[in-house]
């Protein structure tokens, strides 16, 4: 689900060691410092917080 805020989570039990392993991946494009800066600018200028952040961050 590239271009979204989706987080994929998986688990696996290693029966040999009794260890539970948890894995996660995120597509954090637009959720880092640059996206936060745009959101903050929108707040400063009284715009919708999502202005300029609605599009997908990838080309398909």
N, C-alpha and C. Protein backbone atom coordinates (compact mmCIF):
# COMPACT_ATOMS: atom_id res chain seq x y z
N UNK A 1 0.82 -1.17 0.00
CA UNK A 1 0.00 0.00 0.00
C UNK A 1 0.88 1.26 0.00
N UNK A 2 1.73 1.33 -0.95
CA UNK A 2 2.65 2.47 -1.05
C UNK A 2 1.88 3.76 -1.23
N UNK A 3 2.39 4.82 -0.63
CA UNK A 3 1.75 6.12 -0.73
C UNK A 3 0.68 6.36 0.31
N UNK A 4 0.54 5.46 1.27
CA UNK A 4 -0.47 5.60 2.31
C UNK A 4 0.20 5.64 3.68
N UNK A 5 -0.59 5.76 4.71
CA UNK A 5 -0.08 5.71 6.07
C UNK A 5 -0.20 4.32 6.67
N UNK A 6 -0.29 3.33 5.82
CA UNK A 6 -0.52 1.95 6.24
C UNK A 6 0.70 1.38 6.97
N UNK A 7 0.47 0.61 8.00
CA UNK A 7 1.53 -0.09 8.72
C UNK A 7 1.23 -1.58 8.67
N UNK A 8 2.12 -2.35 8.09
CA UNK A 8 1.97 -3.80 8.01
C UNK A 8 2.68 -4.42 9.21
N UNK A 9 1.98 -5.26 9.97
CA UNK A 9 2.55 -5.89 11.16
C UNK A 9 2.43 -7.40 11.02
N UNK A 10 3.52 -8.10 11.34
CA UNK A 10 3.51 -9.56 11.31
C UNK A 10 4.20 -10.11 12.54
N UNK A 11 3.85 -11.33 12.90
CA UNK A 11 4.49 -11.97 14.04
C UNK A 11 4.91 -13.37 13.66
N UNK A 12 5.92 -13.87 14.35
CA UNK A 12 6.38 -15.24 14.13
C UNK A 12 6.93 -15.77 15.45
N UNK A 13 6.60 -16.99 15.77
CA UNK A 13 7.11 -17.62 16.98
C UNK A 13 8.24 -18.57 16.60
N UNK A 14 9.40 -18.35 17.18
CA UNK A 14 10.53 -19.26 17.01
C UNK A 14 10.39 -20.32 18.09
N UNK A 15 9.81 -21.46 17.73
CA UNK A 15 9.53 -22.52 18.71
C UNK A 15 10.81 -23.08 19.33
N UNK A 16 11.89 -23.02 18.61
CA UNK A 16 13.16 -23.55 19.12
C UNK A 16 13.64 -22.76 20.33
N UNK A 17 13.50 -21.43 20.27
CA UNK A 17 13.98 -20.58 21.36
C UNK A 17 12.85 -20.02 22.22
N UNK A 18 11.61 -20.18 21.78
CA UNK A 18 10.47 -19.63 22.50
C UNK A 18 10.39 -18.12 22.37
N UNK A 19 10.99 -17.59 21.33
CA UNK A 19 11.02 -16.14 21.11
C UNK A 19 9.92 -15.73 20.14
N UNK A 20 9.16 -14.71 20.53
CA UNK A 20 8.17 -14.13 19.64
C UNK A 20 8.83 -12.98 18.89
N UNK A 21 8.76 -13.01 17.58
CA UNK A 21 9.35 -11.96 16.75
C UNK A 21 8.23 -11.13 16.15
N UNK A 22 8.38 -9.82 16.24
CA UNK A 22 7.39 -8.90 15.70
C UNK A 22 8.06 -8.05 14.63
N UNK A 23 7.45 -7.96 13.46
CA UNK A 23 7.98 -7.21 12.33
C UNK A 23 6.97 -6.16 11.91
N UNK A 24 7.45 -5.00 11.53
CA UNK A 24 6.54 -3.97 11.01
C UNK A 24 7.23 -3.18 9.92
N UNK A 25 6.44 -2.74 8.97
CA UNK A 25 6.94 -1.86 7.91
C UNK A 25 5.94 -0.74 7.73
N UNK A 26 6.46 0.43 7.46
CA UNK A 26 5.58 1.57 7.21
C UNK A 26 6.02 2.28 5.94
N UNK A 27 5.06 2.92 5.33
CA UNK A 27 5.36 3.82 4.22
C UNK A 27 5.22 5.22 4.80
N UNK A 28 6.33 5.80 5.22
CA UNK A 28 6.26 7.07 5.92
C UNK A 28 6.54 8.27 5.03
N UNK A 29 6.43 8.09 3.72
CA UNK A 29 6.61 9.23 2.84
C UNK A 29 5.56 10.27 3.18
N UNK A 30 5.95 11.48 3.31
CA UNK A 30 5.12 12.62 3.72
C UNK A 30 4.84 12.61 5.22
N UNK A 31 5.37 11.69 5.97
CA UNK A 31 5.14 11.67 7.40
C UNK A 31 6.41 12.04 8.17
N UNK A 32 7.42 12.50 7.49
CA UNK A 32 8.66 12.88 8.14
C UNK A 32 8.71 14.38 8.38
N UNK A 33 9.91 14.89 8.49
CA UNK A 33 10.11 16.30 8.82
C UNK A 33 9.55 17.23 7.74
N UNK A 34 9.68 16.86 6.47
CA UNK A 34 9.18 17.72 5.39
C UNK A 34 7.66 17.84 5.45
N UNK A 35 6.97 16.72 5.66
CA UNK A 35 5.52 16.75 5.77
C UNK A 35 5.07 17.53 6.99
N UNK A 36 5.82 17.40 8.08
CA UNK A 36 5.48 18.15 9.29
C UNK A 36 5.68 19.64 9.07
N UNK A 37 6.72 20.00 8.34
CA UNK A 37 6.96 21.42 8.05
C UNK A 37 5.82 22.01 7.23
N UNK A 38 5.33 21.27 6.25
CA UNK A 38 4.21 21.75 5.43
C UNK A 38 2.96 21.89 6.31
N UNK A 39 2.71 20.92 7.17
CA UNK A 39 1.55 20.99 8.06
C UNK A 39 1.66 22.21 8.99
N UNK A 40 2.83 22.46 9.53
CA UNK A 40 3.03 23.62 10.41
C UNK A 40 2.83 24.94 9.66
N UNK A 41 3.33 25.00 8.42
CA UNK A 41 3.13 26.20 7.61
C UNK A 41 1.65 26.43 7.37
N UNK A 42 0.92 25.35 7.08
CA UNK A 42 -0.52 25.48 6.87
C UNK A 42 -1.21 26.05 8.11
N UNK A 43 -0.79 25.61 9.28
CA UNK A 43 -1.38 26.13 10.52
C UNK A 43 -1.06 27.62 10.70
N UNK A 44 0.17 28.00 10.40
CA UNK A 44 0.57 29.40 10.52
C UNK A 44 -0.27 30.29 9.63
N UNK A 45 -0.55 29.83 8.41
CA UNK A 45 -1.29 30.64 7.44
C UNK A 45 -2.79 30.35 7.44
N UNK A 46 -3.27 29.69 8.49
CA UNK A 46 -4.71 29.43 8.64
C UNK A 46 -5.30 28.60 7.50
N UNK A 47 -4.55 27.67 6.97
CA UNK A 47 -5.01 26.78 5.91
C UNK A 47 -5.37 25.42 6.51
N UNK A 48 -6.08 24.62 5.72
CA UNK A 48 -6.36 23.25 6.14
C UNK A 48 -5.03 22.54 6.36
N UNK A 49 -4.90 21.81 7.47
CA UNK A 49 -3.65 21.14 7.81
C UNK A 49 -3.18 20.18 6.72
N UNK A 50 -4.10 19.62 5.95
CA UNK A 50 -3.75 18.63 4.93
C UNK A 50 -3.44 19.23 3.57
N UNK A 51 -3.55 20.56 3.46
CA UNK A 51 -3.30 21.22 2.17
C UNK A 51 -1.89 20.90 1.69
N UNK A 52 -1.78 20.40 0.46
CA UNK A 52 -0.48 20.06 -0.10
C UNK A 52 0.03 18.70 0.32
N UNK A 53 -0.73 17.98 1.15
CA UNK A 53 -0.30 16.67 1.64
C UNK A 53 -1.25 15.57 1.23
N UNK A 54 -2.24 15.88 0.42
CA UNK A 54 -3.26 14.89 0.08
C UNK A 54 -2.84 13.91 -1.00
N UNK A 55 -1.91 14.29 -1.85
CA UNK A 55 -1.54 13.43 -2.97
C UNK A 55 -0.62 12.30 -2.56
N UNK A 56 -0.52 11.34 -3.41
CA UNK A 56 0.39 10.22 -3.16
C UNK A 56 1.82 10.69 -3.34
N UNK A 57 2.70 10.18 -2.53
CA UNK A 57 4.11 10.55 -2.60
C UNK A 57 4.89 9.70 -3.57
N UNK A 58 4.22 8.97 -4.44
CA UNK A 58 4.89 8.09 -5.39
C UNK A 58 4.30 8.25 -6.77
N UNK A 59 5.00 7.75 -7.74
CA UNK A 59 4.47 7.70 -9.10
C UNK A 59 4.05 6.28 -9.39
N UNK A 60 2.88 6.10 -9.97
CA UNK A 60 2.44 4.74 -10.27
C UNK A 60 2.25 4.57 -11.76
